[in-house]
């Protein structure tokens, strides 16, 4: 089965300390790899100001993952866990065509 490249962008609460943010990123990277995705890259983009308030915050830390996946198991599990995690304000999964 052919793998597909995906980009996952998520916004982390700006009030997390560095240790908590690192633990969160490592946890979600592990969720992806444990469910069959191959991690291409996982990096912080920047702390950015929002156009409107999200969850009481005016800014957040953007993190971007690039992965290869052969099925939706990793994406579905990431999506499920990101929706119930209070430290992730928003997330978006996009299929890459390159």
PDB file of N, CA and C in Angstrom:
ATOM      1  N   UNK A   1       0.841  -1.188   0.000  1.00  0.00           N
ATOM      2  CA  UNK A   1       0.000   0.000   0.000  1.00  0.00           C
ATOM      3  C   UNK A   1       0.883   1.247   0.000  1.00  0.00           C
ATOM      4  N   UNK A   2       0.517   2.226  -0.781  1.00  0.00           N
ATOM      5  CA  UNK A   2       1.307   3.439  -0.915  1.00  0.00           C
ATOM      6  C   UNK A   2       1.044   4.390   0.253  1.00  0.00           C
ATOM      7  N   UNK A   3       2.105   5.026   0.729  1.00  0.00           N
ATOM      8  CA  UNK A   3       1.934   5.967   1.833  1.00  0.00           C
ATOM      9  C   UNK A   3       1.594   7.355   1.295  1.00  0.00           C
ATOM     10  N   UNK A   4       0.916   8.106   2.117  1.00  0.00           N
ATOM     11  CA  UNK A   4       0.493   9.462   1.779  1.00  0.00           C
ATOM     12  C   UNK A   4       1.137  10.426   2.758  1.00  0.00           C
ATOM     13  N   UNK A   5       1.546  11.586   2.264  1.00  0.00           N
ATOM     14  CA  UNK A   5       2.178  12.588   3.121  1.00  0.00           C
ATOM     15  C   UNK A   5       1.109  13.522   3.689  1.00  0.00           C
ATOM     16  N   UNK A   6       1.190  13.778   4.986  1.00  0.00           N
ATOM     17  CA  UNK A   6       0.258  14.677   5.670  1.00  0.00           C
ATOM     18  C   UNK A   6       1.024  15.733   6.453  1.00  0.00           C
ATOM     19  N   UNK A   7       0.408  16.887   6.587  1.00  0.00           N
ATOM     20  CA  UNK A   7       0.929  17.948   7.444  1.00  0.00           C
ATOM     21  C   UNK A   7      -0.079  18.170   8.567  1.00  0.00           C
ATOM     22  N   UNK A   8       0.405  18.102   9.787  1.00  0.00           N
ATOM     23  CA  UNK A   8      -0.447  18.326  10.950  1.00  0.00           C
ATOM     24  C   UNK A   8       0.049  19.585  11.646  1.00  0.00           C
ATOM     25  N   UNK A   9      -0.814  20.564  11.757  1.00  0.00           N
ATOM     26  CA  UNK A   9      -0.485  21.802  12.452  1.00  0.00           C
ATOM     27  C   UNK A   9      -1.373  21.890  13.677  1.00  0.00           C
ATOM     28  N   UNK A  10      -0.765  22.154  14.820  1.00  0.00           N
ATOM     29  CA  UNK A  10      -1.578  22.358  16.012  1.00  0.00           C
ATOM     30  C   UNK A  10      -1.044  23.518  16.832  1.00  0.00           C
ATOM     31  N   UNK A  11      -1.947  24.142  17.592  1.00  0.00           N
ATOM     32  CA  UNK A  11      -1.625  25.323  18.380  1.00  0.00           C
ATOM     33  C   UNK A  11      -1.633  24.933  19.854  1.00  0.00           C
ATOM     34  N   UNK A  12      -0.516  25.180  20.509  1.00  0.00           N
ATOM     35  CA  UNK A  12      -0.340  24.848  21.918  1.00  0.00           C
ATOM     36  C   UNK A  12      -0.566  26.105  22.763  1.00  0.00           C
ATOM     37  N   UNK A  13      -1.177  25.916  23.927  1.00  0.00           N
ATOM     38  CA  UNK A  13      -1.395  27.041  24.838  1.00  0.00           C
ATOM     39  C   UNK A  13      -0.081  27.757  25.136  1.00  0.00           C
ATOM     40  N   UNK A  14      -0.086  29.084  25.144  1.00  0.00           N
ATOM     41  CA  UNK A  14       1.167  29.824  25.363  1.00  0.00           C
ATOM     42  C   UNK A  14       1.636  29.828  26.817  1.00  0.00           C
ATOM     43  N   UNK A  15       0.778  29.449  27.757  1.00  0.00           N
ATOM     44  CA  UNK A  15       1.162  29.517  29.176  1.00  0.00           C
ATOM     45  C   UNK A  15       1.821  28.232  29.686  1.00  0.00           C
ATOM     46  N   UNK A  16       2.044  27.238  28.820  1.00  0.00           N
ATOM     47  CA  UNK A  16       2.741  26.019  29.236  1.00  0.00           C
ATOM     48  C   UNK A  16       4.229  26.310  29.371  1.00  0.00           C
ATOM     49  N   UNK A  17       4.854  25.750  30.418  1.00  0.00           N
ATOM     50  CA  UNK A  17       6.306  25.907  30.537  1.00  0.00           C
ATOM     51  C   UNK A  17       6.997  24.994  29.528  1.00  0.00           C
ATOM     52  N   UNK A  18       8.298  25.189  29.348  1.00  0.00           N
ATOM     53  CA  UNK A  18       9.031  24.450  28.310  1.00  0.00           C
ATOM     54  C   UNK A  18       8.981  22.944  28.514  1.00  0.00           C
ATOM     55  N   UNK A  19       9.082  22.484  29.755  1.00  0.00           N
ATOM     56  CA  UNK A  19       9.067  21.043  30.029  1.00  0.00           C
ATOM     57  C   UNK A  19       7.712  20.437  29.669  1.00  0.00           C
ATOM     58  N   UNK A  20       6.632  21.113  30.024  1.00  0.00           N
ATOM     59  CA  UNK A  20       5.286  20.615  29.721  1.00  0.00           C
ATOM     60  C   UNK A  20       5.035  20.623  28.216  1.00  0.00           C
ATOM     61  N   UNK A  21       5.502  21.658  27.521  1.00  0.00           N
ATOM     62  CA  UNK A  21       5.327  21.733  26.074  1.00  0.00           C
ATOM     63  C   UNK A  21       6.111  20.622  25.375  1.00  0.00           C
ATOM     64  N   UNK A  22       7.344  20.391  25.819  1.00  0.00           N
ATOM     65  CA  UNK A  22       8.164  19.323  25.248  1.00  0.00           C
ATOM     66  C   UNK A  22       7.514  17.964  25.469  1.00  0.00           C
ATOM     67  N   UNK A  23       6.994  17.736  26.676  1.00  0.00           N
ATOM     68  CA  UNK A  23       6.313  16.465  26.978  1.00  0.00           C
ATOM     69  C   UNK A  23       5.078  16.280  26.102  1.00  0.00           C
ATOM     70  N   UNK A  24       4.324  17.354  25.886  1.00  0.00           N
ATOM     71  CA  UNK A  24       3.133  17.296  25.044  1.00  0.00           C
ATOM     72  C   UNK A  24       3.494  16.936  23.600  1.00  0.00           C
ATOM     73  N   UNK A  25       4.504  17.604  23.050  1.00  0.00           N
ATOM     74  CA  UNK A  25       4.931  17.346  21.676  1.00  0.00           C
ATOM     75  C   UNK A  25       5.433  15.911  21.543  1.00  0.00           C
ATOM     76  N   UNK A  26       6.236  15.447  22.503  1.00  0.00           N
ATOM     77  CA  UNK A  26       6.748  14.077  22.455  1.00  0.00           C
ATOM     78  C   UNK A  26       5.609  13.066  22.546  1.00  0.00           C
ATOM     79  N   UNK A  27       4.608  13.356  23.370  1.00  0.00           N
ATOM     80  CA  UNK A  27       3.464  12.452  23.511  1.00  0.00           C
ATOM     81  C   UNK A  27       2.701  12.317  22.195  1.00  0.00           C
ATOM     82  N   UNK A  28       2.445  13.450  21.538  1.00  0.00           N
ATOM     83  CA  UNK A  28       1.683  13.404  20.293  1.00  0.00           C
ATOM     84  C   UNK A  28       2.519  12.866  19.129  1.00  0.00           C
ATOM     85  N   UNK A  29       3.834  13.080  19.140  1.00  0.00           N
ATOM     86  CA  UNK A  29       4.704  12.443  18.148  1.00  0.00           C
ATOM     87  C   UNK A  29       4.651  10.927  18.319  1.00  0.00           C
ATOM     88  N   UNK A  30       4.646  10.478  19.567  1.00  0.00           N
ATOM     89  CA  UNK A  30       4.602   9.041  19.856  1.00  0.00           C
ATOM     90  C   UNK A  30       3.254   8.443  19.439  1.00  0.00           C
ATOM     91  N   UNK A  31       2.170   9.182  19.626  1.00  0.00           N
ATOM     92  CA  UNK A  31       0.853   8.714  19.184  1.00  0.00           C
ATOM     93  C   UNK A  31       0.879   8.429  17.688  1.00  0.00           C
ATOM     94  N   UNK A  32       1.487   9.320  16.924  1.00  0.00           N
ATOM     95  CA  UNK A  32       1.556   9.145  15.475  1.00  0.00           C
ATOM     96  C   UNK A  32       2.416   7.940  15.100  1.00  0.00           C
ATOM     97  N   UNK A  33       3.613   7.848  15.674  1.00  0.00           N
ATOM     98  CA  UNK A  33       4.513   6.749  15.303  1.00  0.00           C
ATOM     99  C   UNK A  33       4.016   5.401  15.810  1.00  0.00           C
ATOM    100  N   UNK A  34       3.380   5.365  16.967  1.00  0.00           N
ATOM    101  CA  UNK A  34       2.847   4.104  17.506  1.00  0.00           C
ATOM    102  C   UNK A  34       1.694   3.562  16.671  1.00  0.00           C
ATOM    103  N   UNK A  35       1.033   4.442  15.932  1.00  0.00           N
ATOM    104  CA  UNK A  35      -0.102   4.019  15.104  1.00  0.00           C
ATOM    105  C   UNK A  35       0.269   3.878  13.630  1.00  0.00           C
ATOM    106  N   UNK A  36       1.560   3.721  13.345  1.00  0.00           N
ATOM    107  CA  UNK A  36       1.992   3.367  12.001  1.00  0.00           C
ATOM    108  C   UNK A  36       2.452   4.493  11.099  1.00  0.00           C
ATOM    109  N   UNK A  37       2.521   5.715  11.591  1.00  0.00           N
ATOM    110  CA  UNK A  37       2.983   6.825  10.750  1.00  0.00           C
ATOM    111  C   UNK A  37       4.504   6.942  10.831  1.00  0.00           C
ATOM    112  N   UNK A  38       5.117   7.361   9.734  1.00  0.00           N
ATOM    113  CA  UNK A  38       6.556   7.643   9.709  1.00  0.00           C
ATOM    114  C   UNK A  38       6.745   9.142   9.852  1.00  0.00           C
ATOM    115  N   UNK A  39       7.474   9.556  10.893  1.00  0.00           N
ATOM    116  CA  UNK A  39       7.697  10.975  11.160  1.00  0.00           C
ATOM    117  C   UNK A  39       8.783  11.517  10.228  1.00  0.00           C
ATOM    118  N   UNK A  40       8.455  12.528   9.433  1.00  0.00           N
ATOM    119  CA  UNK A  40       9.434  13.201   8.579  1.00  0.00           C
ATOM    120  C   UNK A  40      10.067  14.336   9.362  1.00  0.00           C
ATOM    121  N   UNK A  41       9.226  15.166   9.991  1.00  0.00           N
ATOM    122  CA  UNK A  41       9.740  16.252  10.822  1.00  0.00           C
ATOM    123  C   UNK A  41       8.694  16.650  11.854  1.00  0.00           C
ATOM    124  N   UNK A  42       9.201  17.201  12.957  1.00  0.00           N
ATOM    125  CA  UNK A  42       8.351  17.710  14.029  1.00  0.00           C
ATOM    126  C   UNK A  42       9.049  18.939  14.577  1.00  0.00           C
ATOM    127  N   UNK A  43       8.465  20.113  14.332  1.00  0.00           N
ATOM    128  CA  UNK A  43       9.162  21.332  14.746  1.00  0.00           C
ATOM    129  C   UNK A  43       8.187  22.440  15.143  1.00  0.00           C
ATOM    130  N   UNK A  44       8.662  23.297  16.037  1.00  0.00           N
ATOM    131  CA  UNK A  44       7.903  24.491  16.393  1.00  0.00           C
ATOM    132  C   UNK A  44       8.022  25.492  15.256  1.00  0.00           C
ATOM    133  N   UNK A  45       6.923  26.147  14.955  1.00  0.00           N
ATOM    134  CA  UNK A  45       6.957  27.175  13.933  1.00  0.00           C
ATOM    135  C   UNK A  45       7.259  28.506  14.611  1.00  0.00           C
ATOM    136  N   UNK A  46       6.333  28.998  15.415  1.00  0.00           N
ATOM    137  CA  UNK A  46       6.567  30.232  16.159  1.00  0.00           C
ATOM    138  C   UNK A  46       5.388  30.489  17.095  1.00  0.00           C
ATOM    139  N   UNK A  47       5.571  31.454  17.981  1.00  0.00           N
ATOM    140  CA  UNK A  47       4.458  31.929  18.801  1.00  0.00           C
ATOM    141  C   UNK A  47       3.833  33.076  18.026  1.00  0.00           C
ATOM    142  N   UNK A  48       2.526  32.976  17.786  1.00  0.00           N
ATOM    143  CA  UNK A  48       1.845  33.975  16.970  1.00  0.00           C
ATOM    144  C   UNK A  48       0.602  34.502  17.675  1.00  0.00           C
ATOM    145  N   UNK A  49       0.293  35.714  17.348  1.00  0.00           N
ATOM    146  CA  UNK A  49      -0.907  36.367  17.863  1.00  0.00           C
ATOM    147  C   UNK A  49      -2.096  35.949  16.996  1.00  0.00           C
ATOM    148  N   UNK A  50      -3.240  35.704  17.647  1.00  0.00           N
ATOM    149  CA  UNK A  50      -4.450  35.298  16.932  1.00  0.00           C
ATOM    150  C   UNK A  50      -5.225  36.510  16.439  1.00  0.00           C
ATOM    151  N   UNK A  51      -6.018  36.321  15.408  1.00  0.00           N
ATOM    152  CA  UNK A  51      -6.916  37.366  14.924  1.00  0.00           C
ATOM    153  C   UNK A  51      -8.093  37.532  15.892  1.00  0.00           C
ATOM    154  N   UNK A  52      -8.429  36.456  16.588  1.00  0.00           N
ATOM    155  CA  UNK A  52      -9.502  36.493  17.572  1.00  0.00           C
ATOM    156  C   UNK A  52      -9.122  35.559  18.724  1.00  0.00           C
ATOM    157  N   UNK A  53      -9.741  35.752  19.850  1.00  0.00           N
ATOM    158  CA  UNK A  53      -9.427  34.973  21.043  1.00  0.00           C
ATOM    159  C   UNK A  53      -9.869  33.513  20.887  1.00  0.00           C
ATOM    160  N   UNK A  54      -9.003  32.584  21.285  1.00  0.00           N
ATOM    161  CA  UNK A  54      -9.324  31.157  21.272  1.00  0.00           C
ATOM    162  C   UNK A  54      -9.125  30.624  22.684  1.00  0.00           C
ATOM    163  N   UNK A  55     -10.188  30.179  23.298  1.00  0.00           N
ATOM    164  CA  UNK A  55     -10.098  29.598  24.631  1.00  0.00           C
ATOM    165  C   UNK A  55      -9.540  30.541  25.680  1.00  0.00           C
ATOM    166  N   UNK A  56      -9.758  31.821  25.517  1.00  0.00           N
ATOM    167  CA  UNK A  56      -9.267  32.801  26.471  1.00  0.00           C
ATOM    168  C   UNK A  56      -7.843  33.267  26.202  1.00  0.00           C
ATOM    169  N   UNK A  57      -7.246  32.829  25.114  1.00  0.00           N
ATOM    170  CA  UNK A  57      -5.868  33.207  24.773  1.00  0.00           C
ATOM    171  C   UNK A  57      -5.844  34.063  23.517  1.00  0.00           C
ATOM    172  N   UNK A  58      -4.904  35.016  23.485  1.00  0.00           N
ATOM    173  CA  UNK A  58      -4.732  35.882  22.324  1.00  0.00           C
ATOM    174  C   UNK A  58      -3.563  35.464  21.449  1.00  0.00           C
ATOM    175  N   UNK A  59      -2.770  34.471  21.905  1.00  0.00           N
ATOM    176  CA  UNK A  59      -1.646  33.972  21.128  1.00  0.00           C
ATOM    177  C   UNK A  59      -1.427  32.506  21.458  1.00  0.00           C
ATOM    178  N   UNK A  60      -0.640  31.825  20.611  1.00  0.00           N
ATOM    179  CA  UNK A  60      -0.359  30.416  20.826  1.00  0.00           C
ATOM    180  C   UNK A  60       0.911  30.000  20.115  1.00  0.00           C
ATOM    181  N   UNK A  61       1.418  28.829  20.475  1.00  0.00           N
ATOM    182  CA  UNK A  61       2.628  28.288  19.879  1.00  0.00           C
ATOM    183  C   UNK A  61       2.219  27.286  18.798  1.00  0.00           C
ATOM    184  N   UNK A  62       2.603  27.569  17.572  1.00  0.00           N
ATOM    185  CA  UNK A  62       2.270  26.697  16.446  1.00  0.00           C
ATOM    186  C   UNK A  62       3.336  25.604  16.322  1.00  0.00           C
ATOM    187  N   UNK A  63       2.885  24.359  16.147  1.00  0.00           N
ATOM    188  CA  UNK A  63       3.794  23.233  15.949  1.00  0.00           C
ATOM    189  C   UNK A  63       3.363  22.486  14.692  1.00  0.00           C
ATOM    190  N   UNK A  64       4.338  22.080  13.877  1.00  0.00           N
ATOM    191  CA  UNK A  64       4.039  21.424  12.602  1.00  0.00           C
ATOM    192  C   UNK A  64       4.724  20.063  12.539  1.00  0.00           C
ATOM    193  N   UNK A  65       3.957  19.037  12.172  1.00  0.00           N
ATOM    194  CA  UNK A  65       4.480  17.693  11.930  1.00  0.00           C
ATOM    195  C   UNK A  65       4.256  17.341  10.473  1.00  0.00           C
ATOM    196  N   UNK A  66       5.252  16.747   9.856  1.00  0.00           N
ATOM    197  CA  UNK A  66       5.103  16.147   8.530  1.00  0.00           C
ATOM    198  C   UNK A  66       5.253  14.651   8.716  1.00  0.00           C
ATOM    199  N   UNK A  67       4.283  13.890   8.200  1.00  0.00           N
ATOM    200  CA  UNK A  67       4.313  12.440   8.364  1.00  0.00           C
ATOM    201  C   UNK A  67       3.963  11.745   7.054  1.00  0.00           C
ATOM    202  N   UNK A  68       4.351  10.489   6.969  1.00  0.00           N
ATOM    203  CA  UNK A  68       3.879   9.581   5.927  1.00  0.00           C
ATOM    204  C   UNK A  68       3.027   8.535   6.617  1.00  0.00           C
ATOM    205  N   UNK A  69       1.862   8.245   6.068  1.00  0.00           N
ATOM    206  CA  UNK A  69       0.976   7.243   6.654  1.00  0.00           C
ATOM    207  C   UNK A  69       0.347   6.413   5.536  1.00  0.00           C
ATOM    208  N   UNK A  70       0.214   5.115   5.795  1.00  0.00           N
ATOM    209  CA  UNK A  70      -0.411   4.234   4.804  1.00  0.00           C
ATOM    210  C   UNK A  70      -1.912   4.101   5.029  1.00  0.00           C
ATOM    211  N   UNK A  71      -2.369   4.388   6.250  1.00  0.00           N
ATOM    212  CA  UNK A  71      -3.808   4.359   6.530  1.00  0.00           C
ATOM    213  C   UNK A  71      -4.152   5.498   7.487  1.00  0.00           C
ATOM    214  N   UNK A  72      -5.401   5.557   7.903  1.00  0.00           N
ATOM    215  CA  UNK A  72      -5.874   6.674   8.727  1.00  0.00           C
ATOM    216  C   UNK A  72      -5.759   6.437  10.226  1.00  0.00           C
ATOM    217  N   UNK A  73      -5.201   5.323  10.665  1.00  0.00           N
ATOM    218  CA  UNK A  73      -5.176   4.992  12.094  1.00  0.00           C
ATOM    219  C   UNK A  73      -4.464   6.065  12.914  1.00  0.00           C
ATOM    220  N   UNK A  74      -3.281   6.490  12.473  1.00  0.00           N
ATOM    221  CA  UNK A  74      -2.512   7.498  13.213  1.00  0.00           C
ATOM    222  C   UNK A  74      -3.239   8.837  13.226  1.00  0.00           C
ATOM    223  N   UNK A  75      -3.809   9.206  12.078  1.00  0.00           N
ATOM    224  CA  UNK A  75      -4.513  10.491  11.987  1.00  0.00           C
ATOM    225  C   UNK A  75      -5.762  10.502  12.860  1.00  0.00           C
ATOM    226  N   UNK A  76      -6.502   9.412  12.845  1.00  0.00           N
ATOM    227  CA  UNK A  76      -7.722   9.334  13.651  1.00  0.00           C
ATOM    228  C   UNK A  76      -7.413   9.393  15.143  1.00  0.00           C
ATOM    229  N   UNK A  77      -6.364   8.697  15.556  1.00  0.00           N
ATOM    230  CA  UNK A  77      -5.996   8.708  16.980  1.00  0.00           C
ATOM    231  C   UNK A  77      -5.481  10.081  17.394  1.00  0.00           C
ATOM    232  N   UNK A  78      -4.668  10.712  16.555  1.00  0.00           N
ATOM    233  CA  UNK A  78      -4.192  12.071  16.842  1.00  0.00           C
ATOM    234  C   UNK A  78      -5.372  13.020  16.973  1.00  0.00           C
ATOM    235  N   UNK A  79      -6.292  12.957  16.024  1.00  0.00           N
ATOM    236  CA  UNK A  79      -7.470  13.824  16.025  1.00  0.00           C
ATOM    237  C   UNK A  79      -8.299  13.626  17.293  1.00  0.00           C
ATOM    238  N   UNK A  80      -8.522  12.371  17.660  1.00  0.00           N
ATOM    239  CA  UNK A  80      -9.322  12.055  18.847  1.00  0.00           C
ATOM    240  C   UNK A  80      -8.681  12.619  20.115  1.00  0.00           C
ATOM    241  N   UNK A  81      -7.375  12.405  20.272  1.00  0.00           N
ATOM    242  CA  UNK A  81      -6.686  12.859  21.481  1.00  0.00           C
ATOM    243  C   UNK A  81      -6.516  14.377  21.519  1.00  0.00           C
ATOM    244  N   UNK A  82      -6.297  14.997  20.356  1.00  0.00           N
ATOM    245  CA  UNK A  82      -6.138  16.454  20.314  1.00  0.00           C
ATOM    246  C   UNK A  82      -7.433  17.163  20.694  1.00  0.00           C
ATOM    247  N   UNK A  83      -8.573  16.573  20.346  1.00  0.00           N
ATOM    248  CA  UNK A  83      -9.863  17.184  20.671  1.00  0.00           C
ATOM    249  C   UNK A  83     -10.132  17.210  22.169  1.00  0.00           C
ATOM    250  N   UNK A  84      -9.587  16.247  22.915  1.00  0.00           N
ATOM    251  CA  UNK A  84      -9.872  16.177  24.354  1.00  0.00           C
ATOM    252  C   UNK A  84      -8.726  16.698  25.210  1.00  0.00           C
ATOM    253  N   UNK A  85      -7.645  17.184  24.586  1.00  0.00           N
ATOM    254  CA  UNK A  85      -6.504  17.709  25.339  1.00  0.00           C
ATOM    255  C   UNK A  85      -6.653  19.220  25.489  1.00  0.00           C
ATOM    256  N   UNK A  86      -6.644  19.689  26.737  1.00  0.00           N
ATOM    257  CA  UNK A  86      -6.830  21.119  26.997  1.00  0.00           C
ATOM    258  C   UNK A  86      -5.635  21.971  26.575  1.00  0.00           C
ATOM    259  N   UNK A  87      -4.473  21.368  26.387  1.00  0.00           N
ATOM    260  CA  UNK A  87      -3.270  22.124  26.026  1.00  0.00           C
ATOM    261  C   UNK A  87      -3.184  22.414  24.533  1.00  0.00           C
ATOM    262  N   UNK A  88      -3.999  21.737  23.728  1.00  0.00           N
ATOM    263  CA  UNK A  88      -4.042  22.004  22.288  1.00  0.00           C
ATOM    264  C   UNK A  88      -5.315  22.800  22.004  1.00  0.00           C
ATOM    265  N   UNK A  89      -5.119  24.030  21.541  1.00  0.00           N
ATOM    266  CA  UNK A  89      -6.252  24.924  21.298  1.00  0.00           C
ATOM    267  C   UNK A  89      -6.964  24.603  19.984  1.00  0.00           C
ATOM    268  N   UNK A  90      -6.192  24.325  18.929  1.00  0.00           N
ATOM    269  CA  UNK A  90      -6.736  23.984  17.606  1.00  0.00           C
ATOM    270  C   UNK A  90      -5.758  23.043  16.919  1.00  0.00           C
ATOM    271  N   UNK A  91      -6.276  22.245  15.989  1.00  0.00           N
ATOM    272  CA  UNK A  91      -5.400  21.410  15.168  1.00  0.00           C
ATOM    273  C   UNK A  91      -6.021  21.240  13.789  1.00  0.00           C
ATOM    274  N   UNK A  92      -5.149  20.943  12.828  1.00  0.00           N
ATOM    275  CA  UNK A  92      -5.601  20.787  11.450  1.00  0.00           C
ATOM    276  C   UNK A  92      -4.709  19.743  10.770  1.00  0.00           C
ATOM    277  N   UNK A  93      -5.329  18.820  10.054  1.00  0.00           N
ATOM    278  CA  UNK A  93      -4.618  17.777   9.331  1.00  0.00           C
ATOM    279  C   UNK A  93      -4.878  17.984   7.837  1.00  0.00           C
ATOM    280  N   UNK A  94      -3.809  18.108   7.058  1.00  0.00           N
ATOM    281  CA  UNK A  94      -3.926  18.399   5.626  1.00  0.00           C
ATOM    282  C   UNK A  94      -3.120  17.364   4.851  1.00  0.00           C
ATOM    283  N   UNK A  95      -3.722  16.832   3.785  1.00  0.00           N
ATOM    284  CA  UNK A  95      -3.015  15.912   2.891  1.00  0.00           C
ATOM    285  C   UNK A  95      -2.139  16.727   1.954  1.00  0.00           C
ATOM    286  N   UNK A  96      -0.863  16.370   1.895  1.00  0.00           N
ATOM    287  CA  UNK A  96       0.099  17.085   1.026  1.00  0.00           C
ATOM    288  C   UNK A  96       0.153  16.413  -0.333  1.00  0.00           C
ATOM    289  N   UNK A  97       0.235  17.187  -1.378  1.00  0.00           N
ATOM    290  CA  UNK A  97       0.267  16.649  -2.739  1.00  0.00           C
ATOM    291  C   UNK A  97       1.687  16.608  -3.311  1.00  0.00           C
ATOM    292  N   UNK A  98       2.688  17.089  -2.580  1.00  0.00           N
ATOM    293  CA  UNK A  98       4.056  17.132  -3.139  1.00  0.00           C
ATOM    294  C   UNK A  98       4.816  15.845  -2.957  1.00  0.00           C
TER     295      UNK A  98
END
